[in-house]
Amino acid sequence: MHIIATIGPKSTDKWIIKELIENGVDILRLNCSHFNKDEFEYVIKFSREIKRDVHILVDLCGKKIRVSKDLKYIYKIYNGQEVYFCGEDLYRSIDTSKLNEMKLIPLTIGTEEIIKSDIKSISMKDNTMNFEIIEVDKGVIKTKVIRGGIIRGGKGCNLSNVYDDKTFLSEEDKENILWALDNDIDIICQSFVERKEDINIINKLIKEKYPDNKCRLWAKVETPTGISNIKEILDAVDSIVIGRGDLVPESGILNAVNLQEQAINIIKESNKKVFIATHLLNSMKNGNPATLPEIESIYKFIKYGIDGFLLAGETSIGKAPIQTVKFLKNAIEYYSIGDINE
């Protein structure tokens, strides 16, 4: 069983990467949502010096909606405040210096998309920040903060019922794909895949630019639409990552459990590989021991026959990345041995 560790601010030191690999990590994930060319190339070089056959996975941004990097400020927002959201195009057309105390947050979608949508809720940061929709007027979304936090450019958002009638590959994703191929990356994973076409467009780009490349292409499925189309997505990839960090706010926590089980069953029946990502060991990310529900969840997924786990914040920003990997490896070995003794 594979252990995928996301490399981030808490795990870029040489000795930590070495410990991660020596304690069971066989795939290192580079998250393009926080792309840093020099840092990523350093991680690739050093990790392959430690273990030549360690795999490198580049996780693309996909069409996930984010706070635009055009945002000129970093906001600390509090429960009960009013916060406004708009499209990048509108934000770029106004003089933000005249907004006074109004907090206007640009999103990486257009005004037309907002107008056509029936947005019911907005959340950020794996559903730890929440906003109640008050009204939508001419593409500006007025909200009330339910749970606050920090808003800065690049932060991921979940908006319910967003209008989407197109398949496209962002310029950022194109640049990151070509960078990955230039650096002989083993796996490219596209995020927020909802239909086969989201993968086909990447395959086409790779074949045009690098026709002999052997890089594997994975899909991260993290919406109800993606799971409903999972059979057709499987035709284009050999592995699927179920991204629970976004599946929960996109579908609701109760429905997310049903959807992930449904997806696992379909993927296993197709003899393809399935990986579970996020909401695995959040307690250890915060420096605490693993909880019983977390251990029960890991046990359940092992019994389902999944092919591996993807640690995200646990190893990228967590307080105990090495201890977390050791614990997960021990749990995998312990419960896998249990099958032999039955």
Protein backbone atom coordinates (compact mmCIF):
# COMPACT_ATOMS: atom_id res chain seq x y z
CA MET A 1 0.00 0.00 0.00
CA HIS A 2 1.28 3.44 -0.96
CA ILE A 3 1.80 6.43 1.33
CA ILE A 4 1.77 9.80 -0.43
CA ALA A 5 3.20 12.73 1.53
CA THR A 6 2.63 16.34 0.52
CA ILE A 7 5.80 18.40 0.79
CA GLY A 8 5.36 21.89 2.21
CA PRO A 9 6.79 24.43 4.65
CA LYS A 10 7.16 21.86 7.45
CA SER A 11 8.77 19.14 5.34
CA THR A 12 11.20 20.68 2.84
CA ASP A 13 14.33 20.19 4.97
CA LYS A 14 16.62 17.44 3.67
CA TRP A 15 16.55 15.42 6.87
CA ILE A 16 12.73 15.45 7.02
CA ILE A 17 12.41 14.29 3.40
CA LYS A 18 14.94 11.54 4.16
CA GLU A 19 12.99 10.44 7.25
CA LEU A 20 9.69 10.46 5.35
CA ILE A 21 11.08 8.22 2.62
CA GLU A 22 12.82 5.87 5.06
CA ASN A 23 9.61 5.49 7.07
CA GLY A 24 7.37 4.38 4.23
CA VAL A 25 6.59 7.30 1.93
CA ASP A 26 7.02 6.14 -1.67
CA ILE A 27 5.30 9.06 -3.44
CA LEU A 28 6.05 12.73 -2.75
CA ARG A 29 3.30 15.18 -3.71
CA LEU A 30 4.05 18.68 -4.96
CA ASN A 31 0.94 20.85 -4.75
CA CYS A 32 0.80 23.36 -7.62
CA SER A 33 -1.67 25.49 -5.67
CA HIS A 34 1.48 26.64 -3.87
CA PHE A 35 3.89 26.37 -6.79
CA ASN A 36 7.51 27.27 -6.03
CA LYS A 37 9.84 26.34 -8.89
CA ASP A 38 13.11 26.49 -6.98
CA GLU A 39 11.73 24.63 -3.97
CA PHE A 40 10.06 21.94 -6.07
CA GLU A 41 13.18 21.30 -8.15
CA TYR A 42 15.23 21.05 -4.96
CA VAL A 43 12.80 18.46 -3.55
CA ILE A 44 12.95 16.43 -6.77
CA LYS A 45 16.74 16.45 -6.89
CA PHE A 46 17.30 15.62 -3.25
CA SER A 47 14.60 12.95 -2.95
CA ARG A 48 15.97 11.07 -5.97
CA GLU A 49 19.44 11.21 -4.46
CA ILE A 50 18.02 9.50 -1.37
CA LYS A 51 16.01 6.90 -3.29
CA ARG A 52 16.16 6.79 -7.07
CA ASP A 53 12.81 5.04 -7.46
CA VAL A 54 10.81 7.35 -5.20
CA HIS A 55 7.89 8.68 -7.24
CA ILE A 56 7.08 12.38 -7.63
CA LEU A 57 3.45 13.43 -8.06
CA VAL A 58 2.58 16.90 -9.31
CA ASP A 59 -0.96 17.90 -8.30
CA LEU A 60 -2.42 20.51 -10.65
CA CYS A 61 -4.80 23.24 -9.51
CA GLY A 62 -7.62 22.22 -11.86
CA LYS A 63 -10.76 24.31 -12.05
CA LYS A 64 -11.18 24.71 -8.31
CA ILE A 65 -12.41 28.20 -7.49
CA ARG A 66 -9.96 30.24 -5.43
CA VAL A 67 -9.56 33.70 -4.03
CA SER A 68 -7.90 35.57 -6.89
CA LYS A 69 -4.28 36.53 -6.49
CA ASP A 70 -5.42 39.99 -7.60
CA LEU A 71 -6.65 40.54 -4.03
CA LYS A 72 -4.67 43.52 -2.79
CA TYR A 73 -4.96 42.83 0.92
CA ILE A 74 -4.93 40.07 3.52
CA TYR A 75 -8.10 40.18 5.62
CA LYS A 76 -8.76 38.86 9.09
CA ILE A 77 -12.53 38.40 9.22
CA TYR A 78 -14.75 37.75 12.22
CA ASN A 79 -18.07 36.04 12.84
CA GLY A 80 -21.03 38.27 12.00
CA GLN A 81 -19.16 40.58 9.61
CA GLU A 82 -20.40 41.31 6.10
CA VAL A 83 -18.05 40.23 3.30
CA TYR A 84 -18.61 40.62 -0.45
CA PHE A 85 -17.39 38.35 -3.26
CA CYS A 86 -17.15 39.08 -6.99
CA GLY A 87 -15.52 37.85 -10.19
CA GLU A 88 -11.97 38.71 -11.15
CA ASP A 89 -13.16 40.77 -14.12
CA LEU A 90 -15.26 43.08 -11.96
CA TYR A 91 -12.54 43.44 -9.32
CA ARG A 92 -10.01 44.48 -11.95
CA SER A 93 -12.35 47.14 -13.33
CA ILE A 94 -12.90 49.08 -10.09
CA ASP A 95 -10.77 51.35 -7.92
CA THR A 96 -10.45 49.30 -4.75
CA SER A 97 -8.98 52.26 -2.85
CA LYS A 98 -12.48 53.76 -2.79
CA LEU A 99 -14.08 50.74 -1.09
CA ASN A 100 -13.27 52.17 2.35
CA GLU A 101 -14.13 49.50 4.95
CA MET A 102 -15.96 47.24 2.50
CA LYS A 103 -14.25 43.86 2.16
CA LEU A 104 -14.57 42.77 -1.47
CA ILE A 105 -13.00 39.42 -2.35
CA PRO A 106 -12.33 38.54 -6.03
CA LEU A 107 -12.83 34.90 -7.05
CA THR A 108 -11.28 33.08 -10.00
CA ILE A 109 -14.56 33.03 -11.92
CA GLY A 110 -16.29 35.64 -14.06
CA THR A 111 -19.23 37.89 -13.31
CA GLU A 112 -21.34 36.08 -15.93
CA GLU A 113 -20.77 32.74 -14.20
CA ILE A 114 -21.89 34.20 -10.87
CA ILE A 115 -25.03 35.69 -12.41
CA LYS A 116 -25.94 32.36 -14.09
CA SER A 117 -25.30 30.36 -10.91
CA ASP A 118 -27.63 29.63 -8.03
CA ILE A 119 -25.05 29.90 -5.26
CA LYS A 120 -26.38 28.76 -1.89
CA SER A 121 -23.22 28.77 0.23
CA ILE A 122 -19.54 29.65 0.28
CA SER A 123 -16.84 28.00 2.37
CA MET A 124 -13.05 28.04 2.51
CA LYS A 125 -10.16 26.05 3.91
CA ASP A 126 -11.76 22.58 3.94
CA ASN A 127 -15.02 23.96 5.33
CA THR A 128 -13.43 25.62 8.37
CA MET A 129 -14.53 29.08 7.16
CA ASN A 130 -18.19 29.57 6.25
CA PHE A 131 -20.31 32.34 4.76
CA GLU A 132 -24.10 32.70 4.61
CA ILE A 133 -25.44 34.13 1.36
CA ILE A 134 -27.54 37.27 1.94
CA GLU A 135 -28.09 38.30 -1.68
CA VAL A 136 -26.55 38.24 -5.15
CA ASP A 137 -26.86 41.47 -7.11
CA LYS A 138 -25.29 42.08 -10.54
CA GLY A 139 -22.58 39.51 -9.91
CA VAL A 140 -21.68 40.70 -6.39
CA ILE A 141 -22.34 38.19 -3.60
CA LYS A 142 -23.17 39.71 -0.22
CA THR A 143 -22.48 37.33 2.69
CA LYS A 144 -22.44 37.15 6.46
CA VAL A 145 -19.47 35.44 8.12
CA ILE A 146 -20.49 32.33 10.07
CA ARG A 147 -16.98 31.15 10.87
CA GLY A 148 -14.13 33.54 10.22
CA GLY A 149 -10.41 33.32 9.63
CA ILE A 150 -7.77 34.69 7.27
CA ILE A 151 -8.52 35.48 3.61
CA ARG A 152 -5.61 35.85 1.20
CA GLY A 153 -5.04 35.35 -2.51
CA GLY A 154 -4.91 31.71 -3.61
CA LYS A 155 -7.09 30.33 -0.82
CA GLY A 156 -9.40 27.56 -2.07
CA CYS A 157 -13.16 28.11 -2.01
CA ASN A 158 -16.22 25.92 -2.32
CA LEU A 159 -19.32 27.48 -3.88
CA SER A 160 -22.48 25.44 -4.23
CA ASN A 161 -24.39 25.29 -7.55
CA VAL A 162 -21.88 27.15 -9.70
CA TYR A 163 -22.77 27.30 -13.38
CA ASP A 164 -20.24 25.38 -15.47
CA ASP A 165 -20.77 24.43 -19.10
CA LYS A 166 -17.21 24.24 -20.36
CA THR A 167 -14.08 22.13 -20.17
CA PHE A 168 -10.85 24.05 -20.22
CA LEU A 169 -7.23 23.87 -19.13
CA SER A 170 -5.97 26.99 -17.40
CA GLU A 171 -2.75 28.64 -18.52
CA GLU A 172 -1.36 27.93 -15.06
CA ASP A 173 -2.08 24.22 -15.43
CA LYS A 174 -0.50 24.17 -18.90
CA GLU A 175 2.68 25.78 -17.56
CA ASN A 176 2.82 23.36 -14.63
CA ILE A 177 2.30 20.32 -16.88
CA LEU A 178 5.16 21.34 -19.16
CA TRP A 179 7.36 22.07 -16.14
CA ALA A 180 6.53 18.60 -14.74
CA LEU A 181 7.40 16.88 -18.01
CA ASP A 182 10.64 18.85 -18.29
CA ASN A 183 11.56 17.53 -14.84
CA ASP A 184 10.72 13.90 -15.61
CA ILE A 185 7.83 13.74 -13.15
CA ASP A 186 6.30 10.27 -12.66
CA ILE A 187 2.67 11.22 -12.03
CA ILE A 188 0.50 14.20 -12.97
CA CYS A 189 -2.75 14.45 -11.02
CA GLN A 190 -5.51 16.79 -12.16
CA SER A 191 -7.70 18.21 -9.40
CA PHE A 192 -11.47 18.75 -9.48
CA VAL A 193 -12.05 16.33 -12.35
CA GLU A 194 -15.75 16.08 -13.16
CA ARG A 195 -15.79 14.49 -16.61
CA LYS A 196 -13.60 12.49 -18.96
CA GLU A 197 -12.92 15.59 -21.06
CA ASP A 198 -11.06 17.19 -18.14
CA ILE A 199 -8.46 14.43 -18.55
CA ASN A 200 -8.55 14.13 -22.35
CA ILE A 201 -7.48 17.74 -22.76
CA ILE A 202 -4.34 17.05 -20.67
CA ASN A 203 -3.57 13.88 -22.60
CA LYS A 204 -3.80 15.84 -25.82
CA LEU A 205 -1.36 18.49 -24.57
CA ILE A 206 1.14 15.86 -23.39
CA LYS A 207 1.02 13.95 -26.69
CA GLU A 208 1.51 17.16 -28.65
CA LYS A 209 4.49 18.36 -26.63
CA TYR A 210 6.02 15.08 -25.40
CA PRO A 211 4.70 12.22 -27.56
CA ASP A 212 7.04 9.60 -26.03
CA ASN A 213 6.50 10.58 -22.40
CA LYS A 214 5.51 7.77 -20.02
CA CYS A 215 4.16 9.98 -17.21
CA ARG A 216 1.06 8.52 -15.56
CA LEU A 217 -2.08 10.64 -15.38
CA TRP A 218 -4.34 10.48 -12.32
CA ALA A 219 -7.65 12.19 -11.55
CA LYS A 220 -8.63 13.71 -8.23
CA VAL A 221 -12.39 13.48 -7.81
CA GLU A 222 -13.86 15.79 -5.18
CA THR A 223 -17.40 16.71 -6.21
CA PRO A 224 -20.73 14.86 -6.53
CA THR A 225 -20.61 15.47 -10.29
CA GLY A 226 -17.18 13.87 -10.51
CA ILE A 227 -18.33 10.80 -8.62
CA SER A 228 -21.47 10.47 -10.74
CA ASN A 229 -19.20 10.42 -13.83
CA ILE A 230 -16.50 8.23 -12.32
CA LYS A 231 -16.94 5.35 -14.76
CA GLU A 232 -16.19 7.55 -17.76
CA ILE A 233 -13.27 9.20 -15.92
CA LEU A 234 -11.79 5.75 -15.26
CA ASP A 235 -11.55 5.21 -19.02
CA ALA A 236 -8.91 7.96 -19.16
CA VAL A 237 -6.80 7.22 -16.05
CA ASP A 238 -5.41 4.26 -14.12
CA SER A 239 -5.80 5.80 -10.65
CA ILE A 240 -8.24 8.06 -8.84
CA VAL A 241 -7.72 10.10 -5.71
CA ILE A 242 -10.84 10.82 -3.68
CA GLY A 243 -10.28 14.31 -2.28
CA ARG A 244 -12.41 14.46 0.84
CA GLY A 245 -11.28 17.95 1.83
CA ASP A 246 -13.44 19.38 -0.95
CA LEU A 247 -15.97 16.56 -1.23
CA VAL A 248 -17.36 17.38 2.24
CA PRO A 249 -18.22 21.06 1.57
CA GLU A 250 -19.24 20.30 -2.02
CA SER A 251 -21.71 17.56 -1.07
CA GLY A 252 -22.37 17.88 2.68
CA ILE A 253 -20.69 15.75 5.32
CA LEU A 254 -23.41 13.08 5.50
CA ASN A 255 -23.62 12.59 1.74
CA ALA A 256 -19.81 12.64 1.38
CA VAL A 257 -19.55 9.34 3.28
CA ASN A 258 -22.00 7.65 0.90
CA LEU A 259 -20.32 9.12 -2.16
CA GLN A 260 -16.82 8.01 -1.22
CA GLU A 261 -18.00 4.44 -0.59
CA GLN A 262 -19.86 4.43 -3.90
CA ALA A 263 -16.74 5.65 -5.70
CA ILE A 264 -14.45 3.09 -4.07
CA ASN A 265 -16.74 0.22 -5.08
CA ILE A 266 -16.89 1.35 -8.70
CA ILE A 267 -13.12 1.88 -8.92
CA LYS A 268 -12.30 -1.51 -7.39
CA GLU A 269 -14.75 -3.25 -9.72
CA SER A 270 -12.90 -1.63 -12.62
CA ASN A 271 -9.54 -2.98 -11.37
CA LYS A 272 -8.16 0.53 -11.13
CA LYS A 273 -6.32 2.08 -8.18
CA VAL A 274 -7.95 4.32 -5.59
CA PHE A 275 -6.34 6.60 -3.02
CA ILE A 276 -7.97 8.42 -0.10
CA ALA A 277 -6.87 12.00 0.58
CA THR A 278 -7.38 14.48 3.43
CA HIS A 279 -9.26 14.25 6.73
CA LEU A 280 -7.08 11.29 7.71
CA LEU A 281 -4.98 12.33 10.71
CA ASN A 282 -5.91 15.95 11.39
CA SER A 283 -5.34 15.43 15.10
CA MET A 284 -1.69 14.59 14.48
CA LYS A 285 -1.42 17.60 12.15
CA ASN A 286 -2.18 19.72 15.20
CA GLY A 287 0.35 17.88 17.35
CA ASN A 288 -2.15 15.62 19.17
CA PRO A 289 -2.48 11.82 19.20
CA ALA A 290 -4.65 10.17 16.58
CA THR A 291 -8.30 9.80 17.61
CA LEU A 292 -10.35 6.61 17.63
CA PRO A 293 -12.62 7.81 14.76
CA GLU A 294 -9.52 8.54 12.65
CA ILE A 295 -8.09 5.09 13.32
CA GLU A 296 -11.44 3.43 12.62
CA SER A 297 -11.62 5.31 9.31
CA ILE A 298 -8.13 4.17 8.28
CA TYR A 299 -9.02 0.59 9.27
CA LYS A 300 -12.21 0.71 7.22
CA PHE A 301 -10.42 1.95 4.10
CA ILE A 302 -7.76 -0.76 4.39
CA LYS A 303 -10.51 -3.38 4.61
CA TYR A 304 -12.15 -1.83 1.53
CA GLY A 305 -8.92 -2.65 -0.32
CA ILE A 306 -7.81 0.86 -1.24
CA ASP A 307 -4.33 1.26 -2.71
CA GLY A 308 -2.99 4.06 -0.55
CA PHE A 309 -3.43 7.21 1.49
CA LEU A 310 -2.53 10.79 0.62
CA LEU A 311 -1.41 12.96 3.53
CA ALA A 312 -1.93 16.66 2.83
CA GLY A 313 -1.69 19.17 5.67
CA GLU A 314 -0.46 16.41 7.98
CA THR A 315 2.96 16.49 6.29
CA SER A 316 3.03 19.88 4.54
CA ILE A 317 2.10 22.17 7.46
CA GLY A 318 1.57 19.73 10.32
CA LYS A 319 3.48 19.81 13.59
CA ALA A 320 4.61 16.17 13.39
CA PRO A 321 5.07 15.01 9.78
CA ILE A 322 7.49 12.17 10.52
CA GLN A 323 5.51 10.83 13.49
CA THR A 324 2.33 10.96 11.38
CA VAL A 325 3.89 8.89 8.59
CA LYS A 326 5.26 6.38 11.10
CA PHE A 327 1.85 6.01 12.71
CA LEU A 328 0.10 5.53 9.36
CA LYS A 329 2.65 2.95 8.23
CA ASN A 330 2.25 1.03 11.50
CA ALA A 331 -1.54 1.11 11.16
CA ILE A 332 -1.35 -0.19 7.58
CA GLU A 333 0.98 -3.02 8.59
CA TYR A 334 -1.03 -3.91 11.69
CA TYR A 335 -4.39 -4.14 9.94
CA SER A 336 -2.94 -5.82 6.86
CA ILE A 337 -1.40 -8.54 9.03
CA GLY A 338 -4.83 -9.01 10.55
CA ASP A 339 -6.07 -10.27 7.18
CA ILE A 340 -3.42 -12.99 7.16
CA ASN A 341 -4.40 -14.23 10.62
CA GLU A 342 -8.06 -14.57 9.79
